[in-house]
Every structure is written in structure tokens, then in C-alpha cells.
Amino acid sequence: MTDKSKIKNPTIRKVRNRGFTPISYHSDNGVYSGWIYKQTPTYTFARFPALGRKKLTKAEMRFVKEL
């Protein structure tokens, strides 16, 4: 089974066309661009080309900005 949230050479246009939400995530190590591919009441699952998959809590969502 392939991972449907993985995008080769991601751009904002490709991310939106696949139904995901493009975001920028401000962490201690810098700013990372990625996309949200799944949301639950407790966690938001995002994928970043530099970080891979990441599970964000509600507290971490204050560092996320939608593009």
C-alpha cells in the first residue's frame, strides 16, 4: 500500500489539488513548509519534505500558519 500523503517535488498548487492544506511550521530549528493530511480531535498529522511525518498537538498548532 502506498502512502497517499507523499508528494514528489511538492508545490502549493500540487498540495491543494490533492486536497491537503499547505502550512508553514515555526519551530526552534527554523521555519518548515509542509501540509496537513489528517486531523483528529487531539492531533493534527502533517508532512514536511525536510522533517517527514509529524504529529502536532493542539498546543503546537499555535506555531502553524496556513499558506
Protein backbone atom coordinates (compact mmCIF):
# COMPACT_ATOMS: atom_id res chain seq x y z
CA MET A 1 0.00 0.00 0.00
CA THR A 2 1.40 3.40 -0.96
CA ASP A 3 1.29 6.48 1.20
CA LYS A 4 -1.17 8.90 -0.41
CA SER A 5 0.12 11.90 1.58
CA LYS A 6 3.57 11.74 -0.04
CA ILE A 7 4.13 14.18 -2.92
CA LYS A 8 7.22 14.25 -5.14
CA ASN A 9 8.54 17.80 -5.64
CA PRO A 10 5.69 19.43 -3.66
CA THR A 11 4.34 22.87 -4.55
CA ILE A 12 1.40 24.73 -3.06
CA ARG A 13 -0.58 24.01 -6.22
CA LYS A 14 0.08 20.24 -6.06
CA VAL A 15 -0.75 20.14 -2.34
CA ARG A 16 -4.08 21.93 -2.80
CA ASN A 17 -5.02 19.83 -5.86
CA ARG A 18 -4.63 16.66 -3.77
CA GLY A 19 -6.98 18.06 -1.12
CA PHE A 20 -4.41 18.88 1.58
CA THR A 21 -3.85 22.16 3.44
CA PRO A 22 -0.45 23.86 2.88
CA ILE A 23 1.14 25.19 6.10
CA SER A 24 4.31 26.71 7.46
CA TYR A 25 5.51 25.46 10.85
CA HIS A 26 7.70 27.68 13.06
CA SER A 27 9.92 25.53 15.28
CA ASP A 28 13.07 26.17 17.31
CA ASN A 29 15.17 24.99 14.36
CA GLY A 30 13.58 27.26 11.74
CA VAL A 31 10.51 27.53 9.54
CA TYR A 32 9.34 24.45 7.64
CA SER A 33 6.78 24.27 4.85
CA GLY A 34 4.51 21.26 4.60
CA TRP A 35 0.88 20.18 4.51
CA ILE A 36 -1.81 18.81 6.79
CA TYR A 37 -3.10 15.45 5.61
CA LYS A 38 -5.23 14.30 8.56
CA GLN A 39 -6.94 15.93 11.55
CA THR A 40 -8.33 14.27 14.68
CA PRO A 41 -9.75 15.91 17.82
CA THR A 42 -6.38 15.58 19.65
CA TYR A 43 -3.73 15.58 16.92
CA THR A 44 -3.05 17.10 13.53
CA PHE A 45 -0.91 15.00 11.22
CA ALA A 46 1.38 16.93 8.89
CA ARG A 47 4.08 16.02 6.40
CA PHE A 48 7.17 18.10 5.73
CA PRO A 49 9.74 17.37 3.00
CA ALA A 50 12.58 18.18 5.43
CA LEU A 51 11.15 16.57 8.60
CA GLY A 52 8.98 13.76 7.27
CA ARG A 53 5.69 12.96 9.01
CA LYS A 54 4.98 14.81 12.26
CA LYS A 55 2.14 14.55 14.76
CA LEU A 56 1.24 18.03 16.06
CA THR A 57 -0.71 18.55 19.28
CA LYS A 58 -3.22 21.34 19.81
CA ALA A 59 -0.58 23.29 21.76
CA GLU A 60 1.86 23.07 18.81
CA MET A 61 -0.80 24.32 16.37
CA ARG A 62 -0.16 27.89 17.53
CA PHE A 63 3.14 27.70 15.62
CA VAL A 64 1.36 26.70 12.38
CA LYS A 65 0.26 29.23 9.77
CA GLU A 66 -1.89 28.29 6.78
CA LEU A 67 -0.50 29.39 3.42
